[in-house]
Amino acid sequence: MYIQPAWHPSGVLVACGSTAPTVNVWDIRYHKLDQPSQTITTPHDKRILRCAFHPKDDCLLTVSSDCHLAFSTYHSTLVRD
């Protein structure tokens, strides 16, 4: 399986898992694209295959190659109106 990115419903954040049990989040308006705006540590033991933003809350659903699902929070200040 490949690691796949996820877009926030606002269209300004993109999140992507990694080979580590972390998720990198980029705010495409304010940050350099070569550095994530935020790195989220998840409770997984293996790489993150897929993530999805919750449509209303400041959390991500992640799926890992350890065969588990998890919810992780991110800083809501990344999304500005």
Protein backbone atom coordinates (compact mmCIF):
# COMPACT_ATOMS: atom_id res chain seq x y z
CA MET A 1 0.00 0.00 0.00
CA TYR A 2 1.04 3.57 -0.67
CA ILE A 3 0.88 6.49 1.74
CA GLN A 4 -1.86 8.86 0.54
CA PRO A 5 -2.40 12.55 1.41
CA ALA A 6 -5.65 14.01 2.75
CA TRP A 7 -7.04 17.51 2.26
CA HIS A 8 -8.83 19.44 5.01
CA PRO A 9 -12.41 20.47 4.08
CA SER A 10 -11.24 24.13 4.08
CA GLY A 11 -8.82 23.32 1.25
CA VAL A 12 -5.81 24.92 2.94
CA LEU A 13 -4.37 22.01 4.91
CA VAL A 14 -2.95 18.80 3.58
CA ALA A 15 -1.89 15.88 5.78
CA CYS A 16 0.19 12.88 4.91
CA GLY A 17 1.36 9.89 6.88
CA SER A 18 4.95 8.73 6.91
CA THR A 19 7.05 5.63 7.38
CA ALA A 20 7.19 6.60 11.07
CA PRO A 21 4.04 6.62 13.22
CA THR A 22 3.57 10.36 12.57
CA VAL A 23 1.42 12.56 10.36
CA ASN A 24 2.79 15.74 8.78
CA VAL A 25 0.38 18.64 8.20
CA TRP A 26 1.09 21.54 5.84
CA ASP A 27 -0.78 24.85 5.69
CA ILE A 28 -0.25 25.67 2.03
CA ARG A 29 -0.88 29.40 2.57
CA TYR A 30 1.71 30.25 5.20
CA HIS A 31 4.51 27.70 5.35
CA LYS A 32 7.30 26.43 3.20
CA LEU A 33 6.34 23.29 1.37
CA ASP A 34 9.60 21.54 2.26
CA GLN A 35 8.78 21.72 5.99
CA PRO A 36 5.50 20.64 7.59
CA SER A 37 3.56 23.19 9.62
CA GLN A 38 2.99 20.53 12.26
CA THR A 39 4.03 16.94 12.93
CA ILE A 40 1.51 14.86 14.87
CA THR A 41 2.60 11.83 16.86
CA THR A 42 0.04 9.03 16.71
CA PRO A 43 -0.44 5.98 18.95
CA HIS A 44 0.49 3.63 16.09
CA ASP A 45 3.50 1.31 16.06
CA LYS A 46 4.05 1.29 12.30
CA ARG A 47 3.76 3.62 9.32
CA ILE A 48 0.64 5.64 8.61
CA LEU A 49 -1.02 4.51 5.40
CA ARG A 50 -3.92 6.91 5.27
CA CYS A 51 -5.40 9.78 7.22
CA ALA A 52 -8.60 11.81 7.01
CA PHE A 53 -9.63 15.10 8.58
CA HIS A 54 -12.77 15.16 10.69
CA PRO A 55 -15.17 17.58 8.92
CA LYS A 56 -15.90 19.67 12.05
CA ASP A 57 -13.48 18.81 14.87
CA ASP A 58 -9.72 19.34 15.09
CA CYS A 59 -8.79 15.71 14.71
CA LEU A 60 -7.49 13.25 12.18
CA LEU A 61 -8.42 9.62 11.71
CA THR A 62 -5.36 7.55 10.86
CA VAL A 63 -4.97 4.02 9.53
CA SER A 64 -1.67 2.25 10.06
CA SER A 65 0.03 -0.86 8.78
CA ASP A 66 -0.25 -2.11 12.39
CA CYS A 67 -3.94 -2.80 11.49
CA HIS A 68 -5.37 -0.16 13.86
CA LEU A 69 -7.37 3.05 13.56
CA ALA A 70 -6.66 6.06 15.75
CA PHE A 71 -7.85 9.63 16.31
CA SER A 72 -5.24 12.34 16.81
CA THR A 73 -5.71 16.06 17.39
CA TYR A 74 -3.97 18.94 15.61
CA HIS A 75 -3.71 22.66 16.33
CA SER A 76 -6.84 24.38 15.09
CA THR A 77 -4.93 27.65 14.72
CA LEU A 78 -3.57 26.27 11.46
CA VAL A 79 -6.93 26.97 9.81
CA ARG A 80 -7.67 30.68 9.77
CA ASP A 81 -10.77 32.31 8.32
